[in-house]
Amino acid sequence: MKEQKNFFERYKPVFEIVCRILGNGWRVNLLDDCQYRIKLTSPDFKNYSIHIRMEKGRLVIIGSVDSRSWRSPYHTCTVSPERNPVEIAADIEKKILSDALDNVDMAREYEQQLQQKREKKS
């Protein structure tokens, strides 16, 4: 009897292709140890990540800045699991990454301001 693959094992090859299409160093983050989702990261989008999980039979894709001190707006879209990687990458570029670099810059500026405030108090 063949063992059922979990979400990560099943969709990792698809999102490795998506990452190559996106370029900019995007890759499947293997340090994120969760079998129910996939996390994409890029060194060009510092502290920005894209999470993919299955919900109600569709792939839910969410992108946002990872910051403890700044609440990033997040962008989301859903796609069919049967969708090909080229179309998934196009949706991610259009619906998720359109404001990503601006959000990364805003988070960095906010965190620098917080750091300056902390240094003034010291």
PDB file of N, CA and C in Angstrom:
ATOM      1  N   MET A   1       0.842  -1.184   0.000  1.00  0.00           N
ATOM      2  CA  MET A   1       0.000   0.000   0.000  1.00  0.00           C
ATOM      3  C   MET A   1       0.885   1.245   0.000  1.00  0.00           C
ATOM      4  N   LYS A   2       0.599   2.165  -0.908  1.00  0.00           N
ATOM      5  CA  LYS A   2       1.406   3.374  -1.050  1.00  0.00           C
ATOM      6  C   LYS A   2       1.021   4.413   0.004  1.00  0.00           C
ATOM      7  N   GLU A   3       2.051   5.007   0.624  1.00  0.00           N
ATOM      8  CA  GLU A   3       1.813   6.014   1.659  1.00  0.00           C
ATOM      9  C   GLU A   3       1.393   7.339   1.020  1.00  0.00           C
ATOM     10  N   GLN A   4       0.394   7.982   1.604  1.00  0.00           N
ATOM     11  CA  GLN A   4      -0.111   9.272   1.116  1.00  0.00           C
ATOM     12  C   GLN A   4       0.910  10.375   1.408  1.00  0.00           C
ATOM     13  N   LYS A   5       1.209  11.203   0.405  1.00  0.00           N
ATOM     14  CA  LYS A   5       2.134  12.324   0.604  1.00  0.00           C
ATOM     15  C   LYS A   5       1.425  13.452   1.340  1.00  0.00           C
ATOM     16  N   ASN A   6       2.163  14.139   2.215  1.00  0.00           N
ATOM     17  CA  ASN A   6       1.579  15.303   2.881  1.00  0.00           C
ATOM     18  C   ASN A   6       1.634  16.508   1.933  1.00  0.00           C
ATOM     19  N   PHE A   7       1.040  17.615   2.336  1.00  0.00           N
ATOM     20  CA  PHE A   7       0.950  18.801   1.482  1.00  0.00           C
ATOM     21  C   PHE A   7       2.326  19.257   1.007  1.00  0.00           C
ATOM     22  N   PHE A   8       3.278  19.354   1.939  1.00  0.00           N
ATOM     23  CA  PHE A   8       4.615  19.835   1.589  1.00  0.00           C
ATOM     24  C   PHE A   8       5.255  18.943   0.528  1.00  0.00           C
ATOM     25  N   GLU A   9       5.216  17.631   0.747  1.00  0.00           N
ATOM     26  CA  GLU A   9       5.831  16.701  -0.206  1.00  0.00           C
ATOM     27  C   GLU A   9       5.148  16.749  -1.569  1.00  0.00           C
ATOM     28  N   ARG A  10       3.845  16.916  -1.557  1.00  0.00           N
ATOM     29  CA  ARG A  10       3.081  16.906  -2.813  1.00  0.00           C
ATOM     30  C   ARG A  10       3.328  18.161  -3.648  1.00  0.00           C
ATOM     31  N   TYR A  11       3.377  19.339  -3.001  1.00  0.00           N
ATOM     32  CA  TYR A  11       3.443  20.597  -3.753  1.00  0.00           C
ATOM     33  C   TYR A  11       4.832  21.236  -3.817  1.00  0.00           C
ATOM     34  N   LYS A  12       5.801  20.702  -3.089  1.00  0.00           N
ATOM     35  CA  LYS A  12       7.158  21.260  -3.141  1.00  0.00           C
ATOM     36  C   LYS A  12       7.701  21.311  -4.573  1.00  0.00           C
ATOM     37  N   PRO A  13       7.592  20.242  -5.366  1.00  0.00           N
ATOM     38  CA  PRO A  13       8.103  20.318  -6.746  1.00  0.00           C
ATOM     39  C   PRO A  13       7.423  21.402  -7.586  1.00  0.00           C
ATOM     40  N   VAL A  14       6.127  21.595  -7.380  1.00  0.00           N
ATOM     41  CA  VAL A  14       5.390  22.635  -8.115  1.00  0.00           C
ATOM     42  C   VAL A  14       5.940  24.007  -7.759  1.00  0.00           C
ATOM     43  N   PHE A  15       6.141  24.270  -6.470  1.00  0.00           N
ATOM     44  CA  PHE A  15       6.578  25.601  -6.050  1.00  0.00           C
ATOM     45  C   PHE A  15       8.073  25.820  -6.251  1.00  0.00           C
ATOM     46  N   GLU A  16       8.834  24.755  -6.432  1.00  0.00           N
ATOM     47  CA  GLU A  16      10.224  24.941  -6.865  1.00  0.00           C
ATOM     48  C   GLU A  16      10.248  25.501  -8.289  1.00  0.00           C
ATOM     49  N   ILE A  17       9.340  25.031  -9.138  1.00  0.00           N
ATOM     50  CA  ILE A  17       9.218  25.569 -10.501  1.00  0.00           C
ATOM     51  C   ILE A  17       8.726  27.009 -10.444  1.00  0.00           C
ATOM     52  N   VAL A  18       7.712  27.266  -9.611  1.00  0.00           N
ATOM     53  CA  VAL A  18       7.193  28.635  -9.448  1.00  0.00           C
ATOM     54  C   VAL A  18       8.330  29.573  -9.037  1.00  0.00           C
ATOM     55  N   CYS A  19       9.164  29.145  -8.110  1.00  0.00           N
ATOM     56  CA  CYS A  19      10.284  29.975  -7.643  1.00  0.00           C
ATOM     57  C   CYS A  19      11.251  30.293  -8.780  1.00  0.00           C
ATOM     58  N   ARG A  20      11.558  29.318  -9.616  1.00  0.00           N
ATOM     59  CA  ARG A  20      12.455  29.574 -10.748  1.00  0.00           C
ATOM     60  C   ARG A  20      11.840  30.583 -11.707  1.00  0.00           C
ATOM     61  N   ILE A  21      10.540  30.502 -11.909  1.00  0.00           N
ATOM     62  CA  ILE A  21       9.852  31.450 -12.792  1.00  0.00           C
ATOM     63  C   ILE A  21       9.864  32.849 -12.182  1.00  0.00           C
ATOM     64  N   LEU A  22       9.649  32.948 -10.865  1.00  0.00           N
ATOM     65  CA  LEU A  22       9.648  34.251 -10.193  1.00  0.00           C
ATOM     66  C   LEU A  22      11.024  34.910 -10.229  1.00  0.00           C
ATOM     67  N   GLY A  23      12.089  34.106 -10.220  1.00  0.00           N
ATOM     68  CA  GLY A  23      13.448  34.659 -10.211  1.00  0.00           C
ATOM     69  C   GLY A  23      13.752  35.334  -8.885  1.00  0.00           C
ATOM     70  N   ASN A  24      14.648  36.335  -8.894  1.00  0.00           N
ATOM     71  CA  ASN A  24      14.998  37.121  -7.698  1.00  0.00           C
ATOM     72  C   ASN A  24      15.379  36.270  -6.492  1.00  0.00           C
ATOM     73  N   GLY A  25      15.899  35.078  -6.721  1.00  0.00           N
ATOM     74  CA  GLY A  25      16.349  34.252  -5.605  1.00  0.00           C
ATOM     75  C   GLY A  25      15.248  33.575  -4.813  1.00  0.00           C
ATOM     76  N   TRP A  26      14.016  33.581  -5.300  1.00  0.00           N
ATOM     77  CA  TRP A  26      12.929  32.918  -4.572  1.00  0.00           C
ATOM     78  C   TRP A  26      13.223  31.434  -4.469  1.00  0.00           C
ATOM     79  N   ARG A  27      12.926  30.872  -3.289  1.00  0.00           N
ATOM     80  CA  ARG A  27      13.128  29.437  -3.083  1.00  0.00           C
ATOM     81  C   ARG A  27      12.160  28.925  -2.012  1.00  0.00           C
ATOM     82  N   VAL A  28      11.950  27.617  -2.055  1.00  0.00           N
ATOM     83  CA  VAL A  28      11.156  26.970  -1.011  1.00  0.00           C
ATOM     84  C   VAL A  28      12.033  26.918   0.237  1.00  0.00           C
ATOM     85  N   ASN A  29      11.527  27.465   1.336  1.00  0.00           N
ATOM     86  CA  ASN A  29      12.277  27.520   2.589  1.00  0.00           C
ATOM     87  C   ASN A  29      12.185  26.163   3.286  1.00  0.00           C
ATOM     88  N   LEU A  30      13.303  25.449   3.309  1.00  0.00           N
ATOM     89  CA  LEU A  30      13.323  24.119   3.915  1.00  0.00           C
ATOM     90  C   LEU A  30      13.480  24.171   5.428  1.00  0.00           C
ATOM     91  N   LEU A  31      13.805  25.339   5.978  1.00  0.00           N
ATOM     92  CA  LEU A  31      13.928  25.484   7.431  1.00  0.00           C
ATOM     93  C   LEU A  31      12.565  25.559   8.107  1.00  0.00           C
ATOM     94  N   ASP A  32      11.549  25.944   7.344  1.00  0.00           N
ATOM     95  CA  ASP A  32      10.191  26.033   7.866  1.00  0.00           C
ATOM     96  C   ASP A  32       9.627  24.615   7.905  1.00  0.00           C
ATOM     97  N   ASP A  33       9.687  23.988   9.060  1.00  0.00           N
ATOM     98  CA  ASP A  33       9.341  22.574   9.182  1.00  0.00           C
ATOM     99  C   ASP A  33       7.852  22.399   9.465  1.00  0.00           C
ATOM    100  N   CYS A  34       7.044  22.478   8.413  1.00  0.00           N
ATOM    101  CA  CYS A  34       5.608  22.270   8.566  1.00  0.00           C
ATOM    102  C   CYS A  34       5.117  21.473   7.361  1.00  0.00           C
ATOM    103  N   GLN A  35       4.457  20.378   7.617  1.00  0.00           N
ATOM    104  CA  GLN A  35       4.000  19.531   6.520  1.00  0.00           C
ATOM    105  C   GLN A  35       2.690  20.009   5.901  1.00  0.00           C
ATOM    106  N   TYR A  36       2.069  21.044   6.479  1.00  0.00           N
ATOM    107  CA  TYR A  36       0.778  21.517   5.987  1.00  0.00           C
ATOM    108  C   TYR A  36       0.859  22.823   5.211  1.00  0.00           C
ATOM    109  N   ARG A  37       2.074  23.343   5.022  1.00  0.00           N
ATOM    110  CA  ARG A  37       2.222  24.576   4.253  1.00  0.00           C
ATOM    111  C   ARG A  37       3.602  24.611   3.615  1.00  0.00           C
ATOM    112  N   ILE A  38       3.756  25.545   2.683  1.00  0.00           N
ATOM    113  CA  ILE A  38       5.043  25.799   2.043  1.00  0.00           C
ATOM    114  C   ILE A  38       5.343  27.273   2.242  1.00  0.00           C
ATOM    115  N   LYS A  39       6.590  27.574   2.555  1.00  0.00           N
ATOM    116  CA  LYS A  39       7.021  28.962   2.741  1.00  0.00           C
ATOM    117  C   LYS A  39       8.060  29.286   1.679  1.00  0.00           C
ATOM    118  N   LEU A  40       7.842  30.392   0.954  1.00  0.00           N
ATOM    119  CA  LEU A  40       8.787  30.865  -0.050  1.00  0.00           C
ATOM    120  C   LEU A  40       9.479  32.110   0.480  1.00  0.00           C
ATOM    121  N   THR A  41      10.797  32.195   0.284  1.00  0.00           N
ATOM    122  CA  THR A  41      11.559  33.369   0.698  1.00  0.00           C
ATOM    123  C   THR A  41      12.548  33.744  -0.398  1.00  0.00           C
ATOM    124  N   SER A  42      13.010  35.003  -0.333  1.00  0.00           N
ATOM    125  CA  SER A  42      14.004  35.499  -1.279  1.00  0.00           C
ATOM    126  C   SER A  42      14.927  36.477  -0.569  1.00  0.00           C
ATOM    127  N   PRO A  43      16.239  36.397  -0.813  1.00  0.00           N
ATOM    128  CA  PRO A  43      17.153  37.372  -0.206  1.00  0.00           C
ATOM    129  C   PRO A  43      16.922  38.791  -0.732  1.00  0.00           C
ATOM    130  N   ASP A  44      16.321  38.920  -1.913  1.00  0.00           N
ATOM    131  CA  ASP A  44      16.026  40.239  -2.474  1.00  0.00           C
ATOM    132  C   ASP A  44      14.809  40.892  -1.816  1.00  0.00           C
ATOM    133  N   PHE A  45      14.004  40.095  -1.108  1.00  0.00           N
ATOM    134  CA  PHE A  45      12.815  40.593  -0.409  1.00  0.00           C
ATOM    135  C   PHE A  45      13.009  40.279   1.074  1.00  0.00           C
ATOM    136  N   LYS A  46      13.925  41.018   1.703  1.00  0.00           N
ATOM    137  CA  LYS A  46      14.320  40.728   3.085  1.00  0.00           C
ATOM    138  C   LYS A  46      13.118  40.770   4.029  1.00  0.00           C
ATOM    139  N   ASN A  47      12.973  39.715   4.813  1.00  0.00           N
ATOM    140  CA  ASN A  47      11.889  39.560   5.796  1.00  0.00           C
ATOM    141  C   ASN A  47      10.500  39.469   5.175  1.00  0.00           C
ATOM    142  N   TYR A  48      10.413  39.198   3.884  1.00  0.00           N
ATOM    143  CA  TYR A  48       9.117  39.005   3.229  1.00  0.00           C
ATOM    144  C   TYR A  48       8.976  37.522   2.935  1.00  0.00           C
ATOM    145  N   SER A  49       7.812  36.986   3.185  1.00  0.00           N
ATOM    146  CA  SER A  49       7.603  35.571   2.882  1.00  0.00           C
ATOM    147  C   SER A  49       6.232  35.355   2.270  1.00  0.00           C
ATOM    148  N   ILE A  50       6.141  34.275   1.538  1.00  0.00           N
ATOM    149  CA  ILE A  50       4.885  33.854   0.921  1.00  0.00           C
ATOM    150  C   ILE A  50       4.574  32.470   1.476  1.00  0.00           C
ATOM    151  N   HIS A  51       3.368  32.323   2.019  1.00  0.00           N
ATOM    152  CA  HIS A  51       2.937  31.038   2.582  1.00  0.00           C
ATOM    153  C   HIS A  51       1.834  30.462   1.710  1.00  0.00           C
ATOM    154  N   ILE A  52       1.911  29.164   1.465  1.00  0.00           N
ATOM    155  CA  ILE A  52       0.899  28.479   0.668  1.00  0.00           C
ATOM    156  C   ILE A  52       0.361  27.324   1.492  1.00  0.00           C
ATOM    157  N   ARG A  53      -0.957  27.205   1.532  1.00  0.00           N
ATOM    158  CA  ARG A  53      -1.585  26.080   2.221  1.00  0.00           C
ATOM    159  C   ARG A  53      -2.864  25.708   1.474  1.00  0.00           C
ATOM    160  N   MET A  54      -3.393  24.549   1.766  1.00  0.00           N
ATOM    161  CA  MET A  54      -4.634  24.091   1.148  1.00  0.00           C
ATOM    162  C   MET A  54      -5.795  24.445   2.064  1.00  0.00           C
ATOM    163  N   GLU A  55      -6.831  25.033   1.484  1.00  0.00           N
ATOM    164  CA  GLU A  55      -8.026  25.362   2.253  1.00  0.00           C
ATOM    165  C   GLU A  55      -9.239  25.218   1.342  1.00  0.00           C
ATOM    166  N   LYS A  56     -10.173  24.391   1.737  1.00  0.00           N
ATOM    167  CA  LYS A  56     -11.405  24.157   0.982  1.00  0.00           C
ATOM    168  C   LYS A  56     -11.124  23.791  -0.477  1.00  0.00           C
ATOM    169  N   GLY A  57     -10.120  22.949  -0.672  1.00  0.00           N
ATOM    170  CA  GLY A  57      -9.815  22.455  -2.004  1.00  0.00           C
ATOM    171  C   GLY A  57      -9.084  23.420  -2.917  1.00  0.00           C
ATOM    172  N   ARG A  58      -8.604  24.544  -2.377  1.00  0.00           N
ATOM    173  CA  ARG A  58      -7.860  25.522  -3.178  1.00  0.00           C
ATOM    174  C   ARG A  58      -6.550  25.860  -2.477  1.00  0.00           C
ATOM    175  N   LEU A  59      -5.567  26.280  -3.271  1.00  0.00           N
ATOM    176  CA  LEU A  59      -4.304  26.738  -2.710  1.00  0.00           C
ATOM    177  C   LEU A  59      -4.460  28.195  -2.300  1.00  0.00           C
ATOM    178  N   VAL A  60      -4.276  28.476  -1.028  1.00  0.00           N
ATOM    179  CA  VAL A  60      -4.340  29.840  -0.511  1.00  0.00           C
ATOM    180  C   VAL A  60      -2.908  30.352  -0.427  1.00  0.00           C
ATOM    181  N   ILE A  61      -2.655  31.497  -1.079  1.00  0.00           N
ATOM    182  CA  ILE A  61      -1.312  32.078  -1.136  1.00  0.00           C
ATOM    183  C   ILE A  61      -1.350  33.429  -0.438  1.00  0.00           C
ATOM    184  N   ILE A  62      -0.512  33.602   0.592  1.00  0.00           N
ATOM    185  CA  ILE A  62      -0.495  34.836   1.384  1.00  0.00           C
ATOM    186  C   ILE A  62       0.932  35.364   1.452  1.00  0.00           C
ATOM    187  N   GLY A  63       1.104  36.644   1.154  1.00  0.00           N
ATOM    188  CA  GLY A  63       2.418  37.271   1.237  1.00  0.00           C
ATOM    189  C   GLY A  63       2.407  38.437   2.200  1.00  0.00           C
ATOM    190  N   SER A  64       3.451  38.527   3.044  1.00  0.00           N
ATOM    191  CA  SER A  64       3.555  39.645   3.983  1.00  0.00           C
ATOM    192  C   SER A  64       4.974  39.747   4.528  1.00  0.00           C
ATOM    193  N   VAL A  65       5.257  40.899   5.153  1.00  0.00           N
ATOM    194  CA  VAL A  65       6.543  41.113   5.812  1.00  0.00           C
ATOM    195  C   VAL A  65       6.511  40.416   7.171  1.00  0.00           C
ATOM    196  N   ASP A  66       7.592  39.721   7.500  1.00  0.00           N
ATOM    197  CA  ASP A  66       7.722  39.086   8.817  1.00  0.00           C
ATOM    198  C   ASP A  66       8.383  40.083   9.758  1.00  0.00           C
ATOM    199  N   SER A  67       7.602  40.673  10.653  1.00  0.00           N
ATOM    200  CA  SER A  67       8.142  41.648  11.590  1.00  0.00           C
ATOM    201  C   SER A  67       7.381  41.550  12.904  1.00  0.00           C
ATOM    202  N   ARG A  68       8.120  41.585  13.999  1.00  0.00           N
ATOM    203  CA  ARG A  68       7.469  41.549  15.312  1.00  0.00           C
ATOM    204  C   ARG A  68       6.896  42.902  15.697  1.00  0.00           C
ATOM    205  N   SER A  69       7.461  43.971  15.151  1.00  0.00           N
ATOM    206  CA  SER A  69       7.064  45.304  15.598  1.00  0.00           C
ATOM    207  C   SER A  69       6.172  46.051  14.612  1.00  0.00           C
ATOM    208  N   TRP A  70       6.127  45.634  13.363  1.00  0.00           N
ATOM    209  CA  TRP A  70       5.324  46.348  12.361  1.00  0.00           C
ATOM    210  C   TRP A  70       4.321  45.395  11.741  1.00  0.00           C
ATOM    211  N   ARG A  71       3.073  45.789  11.735  1.00  0.00           N
ATOM    212  CA  ARG A  71       2.016  44.969  11.150  1.00  0.00           C
ATOM    213  C   ARG A  71       1.912  45.276   9.668  1.00  0.00           C
ATOM    214  N   SER A  72       2.398  44.376   8.878  1.00  0.00           N
ATOM    215  CA  SER A  72       2.408  44.526   7.427  1.00  0.00           C
ATOM    216  C   SER A  72       1.020  44.268   6.858  1.00  0.00           C
ATOM    217  N   PRO A  73       0.657  45.038   5.831  1.00  0.00           N
ATOM    218  CA  PRO A  73      -0.532  44.611   5.090  1.00  0.00           C
ATOM    219  C   PRO A  73      -0.182  43.281   4.417  1.00  0.00           C
ATOM    220  N   TYR A  74      -1.148  42.422   4.273  1.00  0.00           N
ATOM    221  CA  TYR A  74      -0.841  41.168   3.595  1.00  0.00           C
ATOM    222  C   TYR A  74      -1.695  41.062   2.343  1.00  0.00           C
ATOM    223  N   HIS A  75      -1.159  40.362   1.369  1.00  0.00           N
ATOM    224  CA  HIS A  75      -1.846  40.177   0.097  1.00  0.00           C
ATOM    225  C   HIS A  75      -2.134  38.692  -0.054  1.00  0.00           C
ATOM    226  N   THR A  76      -3.296  38.391  -0.582  1.00  0.00           N
ATOM    227  CA  THR A  76      -3.704  36.999  -0.672  1.00  0.00           C
ATOM    228  C   THR A  76      -4.410  36.708  -1.988  1.00  0.00           C
ATOM    229  N   CYS A  77      -4.315  35.482  -2.415  1.00  0.00           N
ATOM    230  CA  CYS A  77      -5.098  35.012  -3.556  1.00  0.00           C
ATOM    231  C   CYS A  77      -5.261  33.501  -3.413  1.00  0.00           C
ATOM    232  N   THR A  78      -6.205  32.951  -4.133  1.00  0.00           N
ATOM    233  CA  THR A  78      -6.384  31.503  -4.155  1.00  0.00           C
ATOM    234  C   THR A  78      -6.297  31.036  -5.601  1.00  0.00           C
ATOM    235  N   VAL A  79      -5.785  29.833  -5.772  1.00  0.00           N
ATOM    236  CA  VAL A  79      -5.705  29.236  -7.104  1.00  0.00           C
ATOM    237  C   VAL A  79      -6.089  27.765  -7.012  1.00  0.00           C
ATOM    238  N   SER A  80      -6.487  27.225  -8.125  1.00  0.00           N
ATOM    239  CA  SER A  80      -6.811  25.807  -8.204  1.00  0.00           C
ATOM    240  C   SER A  80      -5.534  24.980  -8.061  1.00  0.00           C
ATOM    241  N   PRO A  81      -5.588  23.863  -7.349  1.00  0.00           N
ATOM    242  CA  PRO A  81      -4.406  23.007  -7.223  1.00  0.00           C
ATOM    243  C   PRO A  81      -3.963  22.404  -8.561  1.00  0.00           C
ATOM    244  N   GLU A  82      -4.859  22.393  -9.539  1.00  0.00           N
ATOM    245  CA  GLU A  82      -4.515  21.859 -10.856  1.00  0.00           C
ATOM    246  C   GLU A  82      -3.853  22.903 -11.753  1.00  0.00           C
ATOM    247  N   ARG A  83      -3.783  24.135 -11.302  1.00  0.00           N
ATOM    248  CA  ARG A  83      -3.203  25.226 -12.092  1.00  0.00           C
ATOM    249  C   ARG A  83      -1.737  24.948 -12.370  1.00  0.00           C
ATOM    250  N   ASN A  84      -1.253  25.350 -13.541  1.00  0.00           N
ATOM    251  CA  ASN A  84       0.156  25.073 -13.849  1.00  0.00           C
ATOM    252  C   ASN A  84       1.060  26.124 -13.199  1.00  0.00           C
ATOM    253  N   PRO A  85       2.335  25.779 -12.975  1.00  0.00           N
ATOM    254  CA  PRO A  85       3.258  26.668 -12.254  1.00  0.00           C
ATOM    255  C   PRO A  85       3.444  28.041 -12.903  1.00  0.00           C
ATOM    256  N   VAL A  86       3.384  28.111 -14.222  1.00  0.00           N
ATOM    257  CA  VAL A  86       3.543  29.396 -14.914  1.00  0.00           C
ATOM    258  C   VAL A  86       2.408  30.344 -14.527  1.00  0.00           C
ATOM    259  N   GLU A  87       1.184  29.835 -14.502  1.00  0.00           N
ATOM    260  CA  GLU A  87       0.031  30.664 -14.136  1.00  0.00           C
ATOM    261  C   GLU A  87       0.044  31.016 -12.650  1.00  0.00           C
ATOM    262  N   ILE A  88       0.476  30.093 -11.810  1.00  0.00           N
ATOM    263  CA  ILE A  88       0.579  30.382 -10.373  1.00  0.00           C
ATOM    264  C   ILE A  88       1.597  31.498 -10.147  1.00  0.00           C
ATOM    265  N   ALA A  89       2.748  31.407 -10.815  1.00  0.00           N
ATOM    266  CA  ALA A  89       3.781  32.449 -10.682  1.00  0.00           C
ATOM    267  C   ALA A  89       3.258  33.799 -11.155  1.00  0.00           C
ATOM    268  N   ALA A  90       2.496  33.811 -12.249  1.00  0.00           N
ATOM    269  CA  ALA A  90       1.930  35.071 -12.756  1.00  0.00           C
ATOM    270  C   ALA A  90       0.970  35.674 -11.739  1.00  0.00           C
ATOM    271  N   ASP A  91       0.140  34.848 -11.113  1.00  0.00           N
ATOM    272  CA  ASP A  91      -0.781  35.345 -10.081  1.00  0.00           C
ATOM    273  C   ASP A  91      -0.016  35.890  -8.881  1.00  0.00           C
ATOM    274  N   ILE A  92       1.038  35.207  -8.466  1.00  0.00           N
ATOM    275  CA  ILE A  92       1.837  35.672  -7.327  1.00  0.00           C
ATOM    276  C   ILE A  92       2.466  37.024  -7.651  1.00  0.00           C
ATOM    277  N   GLU A  93       3.034  37.162  -8.845  1.00  0.00           N
ATOM    278  CA  GLU A  93       3.642  38.446  -9.230  1.00  0.00           C
ATOM    279  C   GLU A  93       2.613  39.568  -9.229  1.00  0.00           C
ATOM    280  N   LYS A  94       1.437  39.289  -9.779  1.00  0.00           N
ATOM    281  CA  LYS A  94       0.421  40.331  -9.935  1.00  0.00           C
ATOM    282  C   LYS A  94      -0.304  40.648  -8.623  1.00  0.00           C
ATOM    283  N   LYS A  95      -0.666  39.628  -7.865  1.00  0.00           N
ATOM    284  CA  LYS A  95      -1.535  39.830  -6.700  1.00  0.00           C
ATOM    285  C   LYS A  95      -0.804  39.865  -5.358  1.00  0.00           C
ATOM    286  N   ILE A  96       0.378  39.274  -5.287  1.00  0.00           N
ATOM    287  CA  ILE A  96       1.089  39.182  -4.011  1.00  0.00           C
ATOM    288  C   ILE A  96       2.298  40.116  -3.976  1.00  0.00           C
ATOM    289  N   LEU A  97       3.107  40.093  -5.029  1.00  0.00           N
ATOM    290  CA  LEU A  97       4.381  40.816  -5.009  1.00  0.00           C
ATOM    291  C   LEU A  97       4.305  42.249  -5.515  1.00  0.00           C
ATOM    292  N   SER A  98       3.143  42.702  -5.949  1.00  0.00           N
ATOM    293  CA  SER A  98       3.037  44.044  -6.535  1.00  0.00           C
ATOM    294  C   SER A  98       3.515  45.143  -5.586  1.00  0.00           C
ATOM    295  N   ASP A  99       3.248  45.036  -4.291  1.00  0.00           N
ATOM    296  CA  ASP A  99       3.658  46.041  -3.305  1.00  0.00           C
ATOM    297  C   ASP A  99       4.695  45.508  -2.317  1.00  0.00           C
ATOM    298  N   ALA A 100       5.243  44.347  -2.576  1.00  0.00           N
ATOM    299  CA  ALA A 100       6.116  43.689  -1.596  1.00  0.00           C
ATOM    300  C   ALA A 100       7.339  44.518  -1.240  1.00  0.00           C
ATOM    301  N   LEU A 101       8.044  45.046  -2.226  1.00  0.00           N
ATOM    302  CA  LEU A 101       9.256  45.820  -1.926  1.00  0.00           C
ATOM    303  C   LEU A 101       8.932  47.092  -1.149  1.00  0.00           C
ATOM    304  N   ASP A 102       7.805  47.738  -1.476  1.00  0.00           N
ATOM    305  CA  ASP A 102       7.377  48.918  -0.717  1.00  0.00           C
ATOM    306  C   ASP A 102       7.100  48.546   0.741  1.00  0.00           C
ATOM    307  N   ASN A 103       6.437  47.410   0.954  1.00  0.00           N
ATOM    308  CA  ASN A 103       6.147  46.960   2.318  1.00  0.00           C
ATOM    309  C   ASN A 103       7.422  46.634   3.086  1.00  0.00           C
ATOM    310  N   VAL A 104       8.393  46.025   2.404  1.00  0.00           N
ATOM    311  CA  VAL A 104       9.681  45.723   3.038  1.00  0.00           C
ATOM    312  C   VAL A 104      10.368  47.020   3.455  1.00  0.00           C
ATOM    313  N   ASP A 105      10.351  48.030   2.574  1.00  0.00           N
ATOM    314  CA  ASP A 105      10.967  49.329   2.886  1.00  0.00           C
ATOM    315  C   ASP A 105      10.270  50.010   4.061  1.00  0.00           C
ATOM    316  N   MET A 106       8.929  49.985   4.067  1.00  0.00           N
ATOM    317  CA  MET A 106       8.181  50.607   5.165  1.00  0.00           C
ATOM    318  C   MET A 106       8.498  49.925   6.496  1.00  0.00           C
ATOM    319  N   ALA A 107       8.577  48.606   6.489  1.00  0.00           N
ATOM    320  CA  ALA A 107       8.895  47.873   7.720  1.00  0.00           C
ATOM    321  C   ALA A 107      10.295  48.226   8.204  1.00  0.00           C
ATOM    322  N   ARG A 108      11.246  48.308   7.286  1.00  0.00           N
ATOM    323  CA  ARG A 108      12.629  48.639   7.656  1.00  0.00           C
ATOM    324  C   ARG A 108      12.688  50.039   8.265  1.00  0.00           C
ATOM    325  N   GLU A 109      12.010  51.003   7.641  1.00  0.00           N
ATOM    326  CA  GLU A 109      11.993  52.376   8.166  1.00  0.00           C
ATOM    327  C   GLU A 109      11.364  52.418   9.556  1.00  0.00           C
ATOM    328  N   TYR A 110      10.250  51.720   9.738  1.00  0.00           N
ATOM    329  CA  TYR A 110       9.572  51.697  11.028  1.00  0.00           C
ATOM    330  C   TYR A 110      10.479  51.104  12.105  1.00  0.00           C
ATOM    331  N   GLU A 111      11.151  50.013  11.777  1.00  0.00           N
ATOM    332  CA  GLU A 111      12.031  49.371  12.754  1.00  0.00           C
ATOM    333  C   GLU A 111      13.240  50.245  13.074  1.00  0.00           C
ATOM    334  N   GLN A 112      13.737  51.007  12.087  1.00  0.00           N
ATOM    335  CA  GLN A 112      14.839  51.942  12.349  1.00  0.00           C
ATOM    336  C   GLN A 112      14.386  53.054  13.289  1.00  0.00           C
ATOM    337  N   GLN A 113      13.170  53.562  13.090  1.00  0.00           N
ATOM    338  CA  GLN A 113      12.630  54.596  13.972  1.00  0.00           C
ATOM    339  C   GLN A 113      12.494  54.062  15.397  1.00  0.00           C
ATOM    340  N   LEU A 114      12.012  52.839  15.537  1.00  0.00           N
ATOM    341  CA  LEU A 114      11.904  52.231  16.870  1.00  0.00           C
ATOM    342  C   LEU A 114      13.275  52.105  17.526  1.00  0.00           C
ATOM    343  N   GLN A 115      14.260  51.687  16.752  1.00  0.00           N
ATOM    344  CA  GLN A 115      15.620  51.543  17.274  1.00  0.00           C
ATOM    345  C   GLN A 115      16.161  52.892  17.746  1.00  0.00           C
ATOM    346  N   GLN A 116      15.917  53.944  16.963  1.00  0.00           N
ATOM    347  CA  GLN A 116      16.373  55.289  17.345  1.00  0.00           C
ATOM    348  C   GLN A 116      15.700  55.743  18.635  1.00  0.00           C
ATOM    349  N   LYS A 117      14.411  55.457  18.791  1.00  0.00           N
ATOM    350  CA  LYS A 117      13.701  55.815  20.021  1.00  0.00           C
ATOM    351  C   LYS A 117      14.293  55.075  21.221  1.00  0.00           C
ATOM    352  N   ARG A 118      14.613  53.803  21.035  1.00  0.00           N
ATOM    353  CA  ARG A 118      15.207  53.017  22.123  1.00  0.00           C
ATOM    354  C   ARG A 118      16.568  53.581  22.514  1.00  0.00           C
ATOM    355  N   GLU A 119      17.352  53.983  21.511  1.00  0.00           N
ATOM    356  CA  GLU A 119      18.688  54.517  21.788  1.00  0.00           C
ATOM    357  C   GLU A 119      18.613  55.860  22.506  1.00  0.00           C
ATOM    358  N   LYS A 120      17.598  56.670  22.202  1.00  0.00           N
ATOM    359  CA  LYS A 120      17.434  57.960  22.881  1.00  0.00           C
ATOM    360  C   LYS A 120      17.085  57.763  24.350  1.00  0.00           C
ATOM    361  N   LYS A 121      16.306  56.724  24.643  1.00  0.00           N
ATOM    362  CA  LYS A 121      15.913  56.444  26.023  1.00  0.00           C
ATOM    363  C   LYS A 121      17.093  55.962  26.859  1.00  0.00           C
ATOM    364  N   SER A 122      18.037  55.321  26.225  1.00  0.00           N
ATOM    365  CA  SER A 122      19.186  54.746  26.956  1.00  0.00           C
ATOM    366  C   SER A 122      20.135  55.784  27.467  1.00  0.00           C
TER     367      SER A 122
END
